[in-house]
Amino acid sequence: MTERHLFYDELGNEIEFIVKAKFTLDDTDYVALLPADDIESFTYILRVEIDENGDEYLVGIDDEELREAQKAYEELMKENLQ
């Protein structure tokens, strides 16, 4: 079963995403998401943070962090194919 989550854009519109992977790089958790209605779209990689209540939330990352996370995600996908 595929894990799906609803998010809201800056205009309040619902967007459903498919969680492709959750992975850790240097003690930081990341999630790779794909828009459910556009599986040909780019995969989004966001950092997972924990708030004061222990709940997870997602934050965007800068280009350098994205490159490192993207490399880790691609390695994970290669391992899963083997």
N, C-alpha and C. Protein backbone atom coordinates (compact mmCIF):
# COMPACT_ATOMS: atom_id res chain seq x y z
N MET A 1 0.83 -1.18 0.00
CA MET A 1 0.00 0.00 0.00
C MET A 1 0.88 1.25 0.00
N THR A 2 0.52 2.20 -0.81
CA THR A 2 1.27 3.44 -0.93
C THR A 2 0.81 4.44 0.12
N GLU A 3 1.77 5.06 0.78
CA GLU A 3 1.44 6.08 1.77
C GLU A 3 1.19 7.41 1.05
N ARG A 4 0.07 8.03 1.39
CA ARG A 4 -0.30 9.32 0.78
C ARG A 4 -0.57 10.33 1.88
N HIS A 5 -0.26 11.59 1.57
CA HIS A 5 -0.51 12.68 2.52
C HIS A 5 -1.08 13.87 1.78
N LEU A 6 -1.97 14.58 2.45
CA LEU A 6 -2.52 15.82 1.91
C LEU A 6 -1.74 17.00 2.46
N PHE A 7 -1.39 17.91 1.58
CA PHE A 7 -0.74 19.16 1.96
C PHE A 7 -1.54 20.29 1.36
N TYR A 8 -1.25 21.48 1.80
CA TYR A 8 -1.95 22.66 1.29
C TYR A 8 -0.92 23.64 0.76
N ASP A 9 -1.20 24.17 -0.44
CA ASP A 9 -0.29 25.17 -1.00
C ASP A 9 -0.56 26.53 -0.38
N GLU A 10 0.17 27.53 -0.83
CA GLU A 10 0.05 28.87 -0.24
C GLU A 10 -1.33 29.50 -0.45
N LEU A 11 -2.12 28.96 -1.36
CA LEU A 11 -3.48 29.46 -1.60
C LEU A 11 -4.54 28.64 -0.87
N GLY A 12 -4.10 27.62 -0.12
CA GLY A 12 -5.03 26.79 0.62
C GLY A 12 -5.60 25.63 -0.17
N ASN A 13 -5.09 25.39 -1.37
CA ASN A 13 -5.55 24.28 -2.19
C ASN A 13 -4.94 22.97 -1.71
N GLU A 14 -5.77 21.91 -1.64
CA GLU A 14 -5.26 20.60 -1.24
C GLU A 14 -4.45 19.99 -2.39
N ILE A 15 -3.32 19.40 -2.02
CA ILE A 15 -2.50 18.67 -2.99
C ILE A 15 -2.13 17.35 -2.33
N GLU A 16 -2.44 16.25 -2.98
CA GLU A 16 -2.11 14.94 -2.44
C GLU A 16 -0.75 14.50 -2.97
N PHE A 17 0.10 14.03 -2.07
CA PHE A 17 1.42 13.55 -2.43
C PHE A 17 1.57 12.09 -2.04
N ILE A 18 2.33 11.36 -2.85
CA ILE A 18 2.72 9.99 -2.57
C ILE A 18 4.10 10.04 -1.93
N VAL A 19 4.26 9.38 -0.79
CA VAL A 19 5.56 9.31 -0.13
C VAL A 19 6.35 8.19 -0.81
N LYS A 20 7.40 8.57 -1.53
CA LYS A 20 8.23 7.59 -2.22
C LYS A 20 9.26 6.96 -1.29
N ALA A 21 9.78 7.77 -0.36
CA ALA A 21 10.80 7.26 0.55
C ALA A 21 10.98 8.21 1.71
N LYS A 22 11.40 7.65 2.83
CA LYS A 22 11.85 8.43 3.98
C LYS A 22 13.22 7.88 4.31
N PHE A 23 14.21 8.76 4.44
CA PHE A 23 15.58 8.31 4.63
C PHE A 23 16.33 9.28 5.53
N THR A 24 17.47 8.83 6.03
CA THR A 24 18.28 9.62 6.94
C THR A 24 19.66 9.83 6.33
N LEU A 25 20.15 11.05 6.47
CA LEU A 25 21.49 11.42 6.01
C LEU A 25 22.12 12.27 7.10
N ASP A 26 23.24 11.80 7.66
CA ASP A 26 23.94 12.54 8.71
C ASP A 26 23.00 12.94 9.86
N ASP A 27 22.24 11.99 10.35
CA ASP A 27 21.31 12.18 11.48
C ASP A 27 20.17 13.15 11.19
N THR A 28 19.93 13.44 9.92
CA THR A 28 18.81 14.29 9.51
C THR A 28 17.87 13.46 8.67
N ASP A 29 16.57 13.51 8.98
CA ASP A 29 15.58 12.76 8.23
C ASP A 29 15.04 13.59 7.08
N TYR A 30 14.79 12.90 5.96
CA TYR A 30 14.23 13.52 4.77
C TYR A 30 13.09 12.66 4.26
N VAL A 31 12.24 13.27 3.44
CA VAL A 31 11.16 12.54 2.80
C VAL A 31 11.15 12.95 1.32
N ALA A 32 10.93 11.96 0.46
CA ALA A 32 10.81 12.19 -0.98
C ALA A 32 9.34 12.04 -1.35
N LEU A 33 8.78 13.08 -1.95
CA LEU A 33 7.35 13.13 -2.26
C LEU A 33 7.12 13.33 -3.75
N LEU A 34 6.03 12.76 -4.23
CA LEU A 34 5.64 12.91 -5.63
C LEU A 34 4.17 13.31 -5.67
N PRO A 35 3.82 14.36 -6.42
CA PRO A 35 2.40 14.74 -6.52
C PRO A 35 1.58 13.56 -7.06
N ALA A 36 0.51 13.19 -6.37
CA ALA A 36 -0.29 12.02 -6.75
C ALA A 36 -0.96 12.20 -8.10
N ASP A 37 -1.28 13.44 -8.46
CA ASP A 37 -1.98 13.66 -9.73
C ASP A 37 -1.05 13.91 -10.90
N ASP A 38 0.27 13.83 -10.68
CA ASP A 38 1.24 14.07 -11.75
C ASP A 38 2.48 13.23 -11.49
N ILE A 39 2.36 11.92 -11.74
CA ILE A 39 3.47 11.02 -11.42
C ILE A 39 4.68 11.21 -12.35
N GLU A 40 4.54 12.04 -13.38
CA GLU A 40 5.66 12.36 -14.25
C GLU A 40 6.41 13.59 -13.73
N SER A 41 5.93 14.17 -12.66
CA SER A 41 6.50 15.39 -12.08
C SER A 41 7.83 15.09 -11.41
N PHE A 42 8.51 16.15 -11.01
CA PHE A 42 9.72 16.02 -10.22
C PHE A 42 9.39 15.47 -8.85
N THR A 43 10.33 14.78 -8.25
CA THR A 43 10.21 14.33 -6.88
C THR A 43 10.70 15.45 -5.98
N TYR A 44 9.94 15.78 -4.96
CA TYR A 44 10.31 16.81 -3.99
C TYR A 44 11.00 16.15 -2.81
N ILE A 45 12.09 16.73 -2.35
CA ILE A 45 12.78 16.23 -1.16
C ILE A 45 12.74 17.34 -0.12
N LEU A 46 12.19 17.01 1.04
CA LEU A 46 12.07 17.97 2.13
C LEU A 46 12.67 17.38 3.40
N ARG A 47 13.13 18.26 4.30
CA ARG A 47 13.69 17.83 5.58
C ARG A 47 12.56 17.67 6.59
N VAL A 48 12.67 16.63 7.42
CA VAL A 48 11.70 16.38 8.48
C VAL A 48 12.24 17.02 9.76
N GLU A 49 11.44 17.86 10.38
CA GLU A 49 11.78 18.49 11.66
C GLU A 49 10.75 18.03 12.70
N ILE A 50 11.08 18.20 13.96
CA ILE A 50 10.18 17.83 15.06
C ILE A 50 9.87 19.10 15.85
N ASP A 51 8.57 19.35 16.08
CA ASP A 51 8.19 20.55 16.85
C ASP A 51 8.24 20.26 18.35
N GLU A 52 7.91 21.26 19.16
CA GLU A 52 8.00 21.13 20.62
C GLU A 52 7.05 20.08 21.19
N ASN A 53 6.04 19.66 20.40
CA ASN A 53 5.10 18.63 20.84
C ASN A 53 5.51 17.24 20.37
N GLY A 54 6.63 17.16 19.65
CA GLY A 54 7.09 15.88 19.14
C GLY A 54 6.47 15.49 17.81
N ASP A 55 5.75 16.44 17.19
CA ASP A 55 5.12 16.17 15.90
C ASP A 55 6.07 16.53 14.75
N GLU A 56 6.02 15.73 13.70
CA GLU A 56 6.85 16.00 12.53
C GLU A 56 6.22 17.08 11.65
N TYR A 57 7.10 17.88 11.05
CA TYR A 57 6.67 18.81 10.00
C TYR A 57 7.79 18.89 8.97
N LEU A 58 7.46 19.34 7.78
CA LEU A 58 8.41 19.35 6.68
C LEU A 58 8.85 20.77 6.36
N VAL A 59 10.13 20.91 6.02
CA VAL A 59 10.67 22.21 5.63
C VAL A 59 11.46 22.07 4.34
N GLY A 60 11.45 23.13 3.56
CA GLY A 60 12.25 23.18 2.34
C GLY A 60 13.73 23.28 2.69
N ILE A 61 14.57 22.93 1.75
CA ILE A 61 16.01 22.95 1.99
C ILE A 61 16.69 23.75 0.89
N ASP A 62 17.89 24.25 1.21
CA ASP A 62 18.63 25.04 0.22
C ASP A 62 19.27 24.12 -0.82
N ASP A 63 19.83 24.72 -1.86
CA ASP A 63 20.36 23.95 -2.98
C ASP A 63 21.46 22.98 -2.58
N GLU A 64 22.36 23.41 -1.70
CA GLU A 64 23.47 22.54 -1.30
C GLU A 64 22.96 21.32 -0.53
N GLU A 65 22.07 21.55 0.41
CA GLU A 65 21.49 20.45 1.18
C GLU A 65 20.67 19.54 0.26
N LEU A 66 19.97 20.13 -0.70
CA LEU A 66 19.19 19.35 -1.65
C LEU A 66 20.08 18.43 -2.47
N ARG A 67 21.23 18.92 -2.92
CA ARG A 67 22.14 18.08 -3.70
C ARG A 67 22.59 16.86 -2.89
N GLU A 68 22.94 17.08 -1.63
CA GLU A 68 23.38 15.96 -0.78
C GLU A 68 22.24 14.97 -0.54
N ALA A 69 21.06 15.49 -0.24
CA ALA A 69 19.90 14.62 0.00
C ALA A 69 19.52 13.87 -1.27
N GLN A 70 19.63 14.54 -2.41
CA GLN A 70 19.29 13.90 -3.69
C GLN A 70 20.24 12.74 -3.97
N LYS A 71 21.52 12.93 -3.70
CA LYS A 71 22.49 11.84 -3.88
C LYS A 71 22.13 10.64 -3.01
N ALA A 72 21.80 10.91 -1.74
CA ALA A 72 21.44 9.83 -0.81
C ALA A 72 20.18 9.12 -1.28
N TYR A 73 19.20 9.89 -1.76
CA TYR A 73 17.95 9.30 -2.25
C TYR A 73 18.21 8.43 -3.48
N GLU A 74 19.03 8.91 -4.41
CA GLU A 74 19.35 8.13 -5.61
C GLU A 74 20.06 6.83 -5.26
N GLU A 75 20.97 6.87 -4.29
CA GLU A 75 21.64 5.66 -3.82
C GLU A 75 20.63 4.67 -3.22
N LEU A 76 19.72 5.19 -2.43
CA LEU A 76 18.67 4.35 -1.83
C LEU A 76 17.84 3.68 -2.92
N MET A 77 17.49 4.41 -3.95
CA MET A 77 16.68 3.85 -5.04
C MET A 77 17.48 2.79 -5.79
N LYS A 78 18.77 3.00 -6.01
CA LYS A 78 19.61 2.00 -6.67
C LYS A 78 19.65 0.72 -5.86
N GLU A 79 19.82 0.86 -4.54
CA GLU A 79 19.87 -0.32 -3.66
C GLU A 79 18.56 -1.10 -3.71
N ASN A 80 17.44 -0.39 -3.77
CA ASN A 80 16.14 -1.03 -3.80
C ASN A 80 15.89 -1.77 -5.12
N LEU A 81 16.56 -1.36 -6.18
CA LEU A 81 16.39 -2.02 -7.48
C LEU A 81 17.21 -3.29 -7.59
N GLN A 82 18.24 -3.41 -6.77
CA GLN A 82 19.13 -4.58 -6.86
C GLN A 82 18.58 -5.75 -6.09
